[in-house]
Amino acid sequence: MSSKHVKMNSAVAATLTVTALLAGCSGAVDTGTGSTNESEGGSTAVSLPESCSSDNPTIAVLLPNQTNPYYVSMKEGFETAAAENGFTAEVQIAGDDDAQQLAQAQAALQKSPCAIALNPVKSEPAAAIVREANDAGVPVFTVNVIVDEDALDAQNATIVQYLGADNHAGGADVATQVLEDMGTDAELNIGFVTEPDEVPVVIRDEGFTETISQNPNAEIVATVDGNVKATDSLEVTTDMLQGNPDMNVIFASTGPAAQGAKEAVEASGRDVKVYGFCAPSVTLTDNYPACVAQEPADYGKRVVEQIAAYVGGESVESEILRPLKMFVSGQTPGEGEVG
């Protein structure tokens, strides 16, 4: 994924220009939204909410659910890292409901947090949350699910940073493993179990598609929406298998999709290989030969560390992409290593 998926706050860029002009001057400049954030040498990087200077300032953490083990691990990462870095993490769980997540964000902003850490339910609706935070002068750090760039533009909304997996590389790595396992000229009739409304999942699919095209006999014959839920993925994969008797490979681009697809293939009795992003704590087998895993607890930890650096006056990158771990047949992803 390229940095085009992250739109930076224009106010930050403008303030950095002022910083350059004021180099060597002492003191801080308040740009009007709260207390200032002083970088080394006394010049100002950005303005911060006044709450950032309080004891144990609050980070409002917005997560989609706690039914997916991915978000259970991420929640633990946020809470542990917040305590270690002098923050208080107030975690809100949206129940996979966009409107609920927006309402939770609005309620959190009423409490004047130092920052928002946002893992959107869906990419496009989340832009409204970012706009609300911008209006309140609260910096937004996004994790895992990317806020749709066009939606941000429409809202004239901006974030400080996105942190997540290198999703394009993850999809490409899985496709490379398929080619190694099955051959660069084998006939591959591939089905996708995906989620078209989440930008990172689309990026994974793109990485897989680009790499698998090295095999001229590989064809994507069907695509279904697993909705990032194992039960939904089981149902749609079952239908996809019934409609495609020649399908011999499935790419499942989320952990719940991999779990549901694997169960559907087992129930069908078909010899169909399931590759994808790792199902939680599921051992790889001949019919589930390879997967790549994220580390969501580590992502939560790193987001808190990035907020701490930002509050401390350091510049932070607009985008941080983390590598994924590959697991193959006979191996089992550890706790917290999930797709």
Protein backbone atom coordinates (compact mmCIF):
# COMPACT_ATOMS: atom_id res chain seq x y z
CA MET A 1 0.00 0.00 0.00
CA SER A 2 1.28 3.46 -0.81
CA SER A 3 0.97 6.62 1.22
CA LYS A 4 -1.83 7.81 -1.06
CA HIS A 5 -4.22 6.06 1.31
CA VAL A 6 -3.40 8.50 4.12
CA LYS A 7 -4.39 12.15 3.90
CA MET A 8 -2.36 14.23 6.35
CA ASN A 9 -3.66 17.22 8.26
CA SER A 10 -2.95 20.34 6.22
CA ALA A 11 -2.68 22.29 9.45
CA VAL A 12 0.25 20.10 10.47
CA ALA A 13 2.06 20.85 7.23
CA ALA A 14 1.41 24.55 7.61
CA THR A 15 2.64 24.56 11.18
CA LEU A 16 5.79 22.71 10.19
CA THR A 17 6.47 25.51 7.70
CA VAL A 18 6.07 28.03 10.50
CA THR A 19 8.40 25.89 12.61
CA ALA A 20 11.13 26.16 9.99
CA LEU A 21 10.76 29.93 9.91
CA LEU A 22 10.92 30.13 13.68
CA ALA A 23 13.96 27.87 14.05
CA GLY A 24 16.24 29.16 16.74
CA CYS A 25 13.49 31.11 18.51
CA SER A 26 12.58 30.12 22.03
CA GLY A 27 9.09 29.42 23.31
CA ALA A 28 6.06 27.79 21.73
CA VAL A 29 3.37 29.09 19.43
CA ASP A 30 -0.24 28.22 20.22
CA THR A 31 -2.23 27.79 17.02
CA GLY A 32 -5.52 28.10 18.84
CA THR A 33 -6.77 24.59 19.53
CA GLY A 34 -5.26 24.00 22.97
CA SER A 35 -1.86 23.56 24.53
CA THR A 36 1.20 23.46 22.32
CA ASN A 37 3.49 20.61 21.44
CA GLU A 38 7.12 21.74 21.61
CA SER A 39 9.77 19.98 19.57
CA GLU A 40 13.46 19.96 20.38
CA GLY A 41 14.90 23.47 20.25
CA GLY A 42 11.70 25.16 21.45
CA SER A 43 9.85 25.42 18.14
CA THR A 44 6.34 24.12 17.67
CA ALA A 45 5.41 21.00 15.72
CA VAL A 46 1.62 20.96 16.23
CA SER A 47 -1.09 22.10 18.60
CA LEU A 48 -2.54 19.59 21.08
CA PRO A 49 -5.67 19.39 23.21
CA GLU A 50 -5.17 20.82 26.70
CA SER A 51 -6.00 17.40 28.14
CA CYS A 52 -2.69 16.07 26.82
CA SER A 53 -0.91 17.96 29.60
CA SER A 54 -3.00 16.39 32.38
CA ASP A 55 -1.98 13.41 34.51
CA ASN A 56 -2.62 10.13 32.67
CA PRO A 57 -4.32 11.74 29.66
CA THR A 58 -7.01 9.71 27.95
CA ILE A 59 -6.75 7.98 24.60
CA ALA A 60 -10.20 7.16 23.25
CA VAL A 61 -9.86 3.75 21.56
CA LEU A 62 -12.64 2.84 19.10
CA LEU A 63 -12.81 -0.84 18.04
CA PRO A 64 -15.38 -2.71 15.91
CA ASN A 65 -16.07 -5.76 18.10
CA GLN A 66 -14.77 -8.26 20.64
CA THR A 67 -16.09 -11.38 18.88
CA ASN A 68 -13.10 -11.49 16.52
CA PRO A 69 -9.96 -12.63 18.42
CA TYR A 70 -8.09 -10.01 16.41
CA TYR A 71 -9.75 -7.20 18.34
CA VAL A 72 -9.47 -8.99 21.68
CA SER A 73 -5.70 -8.97 21.19
CA MET A 74 -5.68 -5.38 19.97
CA LYS A 75 -7.67 -4.19 23.00
CA GLU A 76 -5.14 -5.84 25.32
CA GLY A 77 -2.29 -4.19 23.42
CA PHE A 78 -3.85 -0.75 23.77
CA GLU A 79 -4.60 -1.12 27.47
CA THR A 80 -1.18 -2.50 28.38
CA ALA A 81 0.76 0.07 26.36
CA ALA A 82 -1.37 2.95 27.64
CA ALA A 83 -0.53 2.06 31.24
CA GLU A 84 3.16 1.73 30.37
CA ASN A 85 3.23 5.13 28.64
CA GLY A 86 1.31 7.20 31.18
CA PHE A 87 -2.07 7.22 29.42
CA THR A 88 -5.51 5.90 30.21
CA ALA A 89 -7.13 3.90 27.41
CA GLU A 90 -10.91 4.22 27.32
CA VAL A 91 -12.04 1.49 24.92
CA GLN A 92 -15.39 1.54 23.13
CA ILE A 93 -16.74 -1.48 21.22
CA ALA A 94 -19.12 -0.71 18.35
CA GLY A 95 -20.71 -4.11 17.81
CA ASP A 96 -19.82 -3.84 14.10
CA ASP A 97 -22.24 -0.91 13.76
CA ASP A 98 -21.04 2.23 11.95
CA ALA A 99 -23.68 4.46 13.55
CA GLN A 100 -22.83 3.11 16.98
CA GLN A 101 -19.15 3.80 16.44
CA LEU A 102 -19.89 7.38 15.41
CA ALA A 103 -22.05 7.86 18.51
CA GLN A 104 -19.27 6.44 20.68
CA ALA A 105 -16.78 8.82 19.10
CA GLN A 106 -19.07 11.79 19.73
CA ALA A 107 -19.48 10.77 23.37
CA ALA A 108 -15.73 10.29 23.78
CA LEU A 109 -15.02 13.72 22.29
CA GLN A 110 -17.33 15.30 24.88
CA LYS A 111 -14.76 14.15 27.47
CA SER A 112 -11.90 15.98 25.64
CA PRO A 113 -9.44 13.11 25.12
CA CYS A 114 -5.82 13.72 24.22
CA ALA A 115 -6.15 11.57 21.07
CA ILE A 116 -8.41 9.09 19.30
CA ALA A 117 -7.16 5.68 18.18
CA LEU A 118 -9.62 4.51 15.54
CA ASN A 119 -10.04 1.05 14.05
CA PRO A 120 -13.08 1.69 11.84
CA VAL A 121 -15.97 -0.71 11.43
CA LYS A 122 -15.99 0.17 7.71
CA SER A 123 -13.66 2.36 5.69
CA GLU A 124 -16.06 4.91 4.19
CA PRO A 125 -18.38 5.80 7.13
CA ALA A 126 -15.38 6.32 9.42
CA ALA A 127 -14.57 9.61 7.68
CA ALA A 128 -17.42 11.21 9.65
CA ILE A 129 -15.68 10.24 12.90
CA VAL A 130 -12.45 11.84 11.73
CA ARG A 131 -14.32 15.03 10.83
CA GLU A 132 -15.89 15.19 14.31
CA ALA A 133 -12.46 14.79 15.90
CA ASN A 134 -10.97 17.46 13.62
CA ASP A 135 -13.70 19.88 14.68
CA ALA A 136 -12.87 19.15 18.33
CA GLY A 137 -9.13 19.63 17.79
CA VAL A 138 -8.34 16.03 18.75
CA PRO A 139 -5.67 14.17 16.72
CA VAL A 140 -6.72 10.90 15.10
CA PHE A 141 -4.48 7.85 14.73
CA THR A 142 -6.00 5.05 12.66
CA VAL A 143 -5.08 1.37 12.86
CA ASN A 144 -5.75 -1.74 10.78
CA VAL A 145 -8.75 -0.55 8.72
CA ILE A 146 -7.95 2.40 6.49
CA VAL A 147 -10.38 5.31 6.29
CA ASP A 148 -11.43 5.72 2.67
CA GLU A 149 -9.46 8.55 1.05
CA ASP A 150 -12.33 9.81 -1.09
CA ALA A 151 -14.60 9.90 1.95
CA LEU A 152 -11.95 11.89 3.85
CA ASP A 153 -11.75 14.35 0.97
CA ALA A 154 -15.54 14.69 0.90
CA GLN A 155 -15.55 15.44 4.63
CA ASN A 156 -12.45 17.64 4.36
CA ALA A 157 -11.15 15.46 7.18
CA THR A 158 -7.58 14.54 8.08
CA ILE A 159 -5.69 12.03 10.21
CA VAL A 160 -2.24 12.10 11.76
CA GLN A 161 -1.18 8.54 11.03
CA TYR A 162 -2.22 5.11 9.79
CA LEU A 163 -0.57 1.97 11.21
CA GLY A 164 -1.32 -1.53 10.03
CA ALA A 165 -0.13 -4.57 8.14
CA ASP A 166 1.59 -4.35 4.77
CA ASN A 167 -1.56 -5.78 3.24
CA HIS A 168 -0.41 -5.72 -0.38
CA ALA A 169 2.73 -7.66 0.52
CA GLY A 170 0.65 -10.10 2.56
CA GLY A 171 -1.61 -10.91 -0.36
CA ALA A 172 1.38 -11.22 -2.66
CA ASP A 173 3.18 -13.54 -0.24
CA VAL A 174 0.19 -15.87 -0.10
CA ALA A 175 -0.01 -15.97 -3.90
CA THR A 176 3.70 -16.74 -4.10
CA GLN A 177 3.15 -19.68 -1.76
CA VAL A 178 0.29 -20.93 -3.94
CA LEU A 179 2.58 -20.84 -6.98
CA GLU A 180 5.33 -22.68 -5.10
CA ASP A 181 2.92 -25.34 -3.85
CA MET A 182 0.84 -25.89 -6.96
CA GLY A 183 3.08 -24.78 -9.82
CA THR A 184 3.52 -21.75 -12.02
CA ASP A 185 1.58 -23.31 -14.89
CA ALA A 186 -1.02 -25.40 -13.03
CA GLU A 187 -4.68 -24.86 -13.80
CA LEU A 188 -5.99 -22.81 -10.89
CA ASN A 189 -9.67 -21.97 -10.53
CA ILE A 190 -9.69 -19.58 -7.61
CA GLY A 191 -12.45 -18.28 -5.38
CA PHE A 192 -12.13 -15.22 -3.14
CA VAL A 193 -13.77 -14.87 0.27
CA THR A 194 -13.27 -11.18 0.92
CA GLU A 195 -14.82 -7.95 2.25
CA PRO A 196 -15.17 -5.27 -0.44
CA ASP A 197 -16.08 -2.48 2.00
CA GLU A 198 -12.78 -2.56 3.90
CA VAL A 199 -9.87 -0.93 2.08
CA PRO A 200 -7.11 -3.13 3.61
CA VAL A 201 -8.91 -6.29 2.50
CA VAL A 202 -9.22 -4.95 -1.04
CA ILE A 203 -5.49 -4.21 -1.00
CA ARG A 204 -4.77 -7.81 0.06
CA ASP A 205 -6.86 -9.07 -2.85
CA GLU A 206 -4.95 -6.79 -5.22
CA GLY A 207 -1.60 -8.10 -3.98
CA PHE A 208 -2.74 -11.68 -4.44
CA THR A 209 -4.23 -11.04 -7.88
CA GLU A 210 -1.14 -9.29 -9.22
CA THR A 211 1.20 -12.06 -8.09
CA ILE A 212 -0.97 -15.05 -9.04
CA SER A 213 -1.17 -13.63 -12.59
CA GLN A 214 2.38 -14.93 -13.09
CA ASN A 215 0.61 -18.21 -13.79
CA PRO A 216 -1.20 -17.81 -17.14
CA ASN A 217 -3.53 -20.67 -16.19
CA ALA A 218 -4.75 -19.04 -12.98
CA GLU A 219 -8.27 -17.61 -13.09
CA ILE A 220 -10.41 -15.99 -10.41
CA VAL A 221 -13.78 -17.59 -11.07
CA ALA A 222 -15.87 -16.31 -8.14
CA THR A 223 -15.82 -13.72 -5.37
CA VAL A 224 -18.03 -13.66 -2.26
CA ASP A 225 -18.34 -11.32 0.72
CA GLY A 226 -17.55 -13.04 4.02
CA ASN A 227 -18.24 -9.88 6.01
CA VAL A 228 -15.20 -10.63 8.23
CA LYS A 229 -17.30 -13.18 10.10
CA ALA A 230 -16.66 -16.93 10.23
CA THR A 231 -20.36 -17.84 10.10
CA ASP A 232 -21.04 -15.61 7.11
CA SER A 233 -17.90 -16.88 5.36
CA LEU A 234 -18.96 -20.49 5.93
CA GLU A 235 -22.33 -19.81 4.34
CA VAL A 236 -21.12 -17.89 1.27
CA THR A 237 -18.21 -20.29 0.68
CA THR A 238 -20.62 -23.23 0.74
CA ASP A 239 -22.69 -21.55 -1.96
CA MET A 240 -19.57 -20.64 -3.95
CA LEU A 241 -18.33 -24.23 -3.92
CA GLN A 242 -21.68 -25.55 -5.07
CA GLY A 243 -21.70 -23.11 -8.00
CA ASN A 244 -18.11 -23.83 -9.06
CA PRO A 245 -17.41 -27.56 -9.28
CA ASP A 246 -13.96 -26.97 -10.80
CA MET A 247 -12.75 -24.61 -8.06
CA ASN A 248 -9.52 -25.90 -6.52
CA VAL A 249 -8.12 -22.89 -4.59
CA ILE A 250 -9.68 -20.37 -2.22
CA PHE A 251 -8.02 -17.15 -1.11
CA ALA A 252 -9.55 -16.00 2.18
CA SER A 253 -8.40 -12.46 2.86
CA THR A 254 -9.36 -12.24 6.55
CA GLY A 255 -8.92 -14.60 9.49
CA PRO A 256 -12.66 -15.22 9.94
CA ALA A 257 -12.93 -15.82 6.18
CA ALA A 258 -10.20 -18.46 6.37
CA GLN A 259 -11.95 -20.18 9.28
CA GLY A 260 -15.33 -20.21 7.54
CA ALA A 261 -13.88 -21.26 4.17
CA LYS A 262 -11.93 -24.11 5.76
CA GLU A 263 -15.05 -25.40 7.49
CA ALA A 264 -17.04 -25.16 4.26
CA VAL A 265 -14.43 -27.12 2.31
CA GLU A 266 -14.26 -29.81 4.99
CA ALA A 267 -18.05 -30.17 4.95
CA SER A 268 -18.05 -30.44 1.16
CA GLY A 269 -15.50 -33.26 1.05
CA ARG A 270 -13.83 -31.52 -1.89
CA ASP A 271 -10.07 -31.28 -2.50
CA VAL A 272 -9.90 -27.49 -2.43
CA LYS A 273 -6.90 -25.71 -0.91
CA VAL A 274 -7.61 -22.75 1.38
CA TYR A 275 -4.92 -20.06 1.55
CA GLY A 276 -5.18 -16.65 3.12
CA PHE A 277 -4.84 -14.59 6.27
CA CYS A 278 -4.62 -16.82 9.32
CA ALA A 279 -7.59 -18.15 11.24
CA PRO A 280 -6.94 -17.88 14.99
CA SER A 281 -5.00 -20.79 16.53
CA VAL A 282 -5.82 -23.16 13.65
CA THR A 283 -3.09 -25.61 12.62
CA LEU A 284 -2.09 -25.55 8.96
CA THR A 285 -2.79 -28.79 7.02
CA ASP A 286 -2.60 -30.17 3.48
CA ASN A 287 -5.96 -28.54 2.68
CA TYR A 288 -5.09 -25.35 4.57
CA PRO A 289 -1.46 -25.13 3.45
CA ALA A 290 -0.39 -21.55 4.22
CA CYS A 291 -1.49 -18.29 5.78
CA VAL A 292 -0.03 -14.96 6.85
CA ALA A 293 -0.65 -13.46 10.27
CA GLN A 294 -0.85 -9.99 11.74
CA GLU A 295 -0.02 -9.09 15.34
CA PRO A 296 -2.86 -6.84 16.52
CA ALA A 297 -1.66 -6.55 20.13
CA ASP A 298 1.61 -5.18 18.80
CA TYR A 299 -0.28 -2.74 16.56
CA GLY A 300 -2.17 -1.38 19.57
CA LYS A 301 1.10 -1.03 21.47
CA ARG A 302 2.77 0.77 18.61
CA VAL A 303 -0.12 3.21 18.11
CA VAL A 304 0.10 4.22 21.78
CA GLU A 305 3.86 4.69 21.41
CA GLN A 306 3.30 6.85 18.34
CA ILE A 307 0.77 8.99 20.23
CA ALA A 308 3.25 9.36 23.09
CA ALA A 309 5.94 10.49 20.66
CA TYR A 310 3.55 12.95 19.00
CA VAL A 311 2.46 14.40 22.34
CA GLY A 312 6.12 14.61 23.34
CA GLY A 313 6.93 16.86 20.39
CA GLU A 314 8.40 14.32 17.98
CA SER A 315 7.42 14.10 14.34
CA VAL A 316 5.65 10.86 13.37
CA GLU A 317 5.33 9.11 10.03
CA SER A 318 2.04 9.42 8.19
CA GLU A 319 1.99 5.69 7.49
CA ILE A 320 3.59 2.67 9.18
CA LEU A 321 3.24 -0.73 7.50
CA ARG A 322 4.18 -3.83 9.48
CA PRO A 323 5.39 -7.13 7.97
CA LEU A 324 3.32 -10.29 8.28
CA LYS A 325 4.38 -13.77 9.40
CA MET A 326 4.02 -16.74 7.07
CA PHE A 327 2.86 -20.12 8.42
CA VAL A 328 2.80 -23.36 6.43
CA SER A 329 1.45 -26.89 6.80
CA GLY A 330 2.17 -28.39 10.22
CA GLN A 331 2.60 -25.03 11.95
CA THR A 332 0.13 -23.28 14.22
CA PRO A 333 -0.03 -19.48 14.63
CA GLY A 334 0.48 -18.46 18.24
CA GLU A 335 -1.97 -16.58 20.40
CA GLY A 336 -2.47 -13.12 18.95
CA GLU A 337 -1.08 -14.09 15.53
CA VAL A 338 -4.23 -13.79 13.44
CA GLY A 339 -5.50 -12.59 10.08
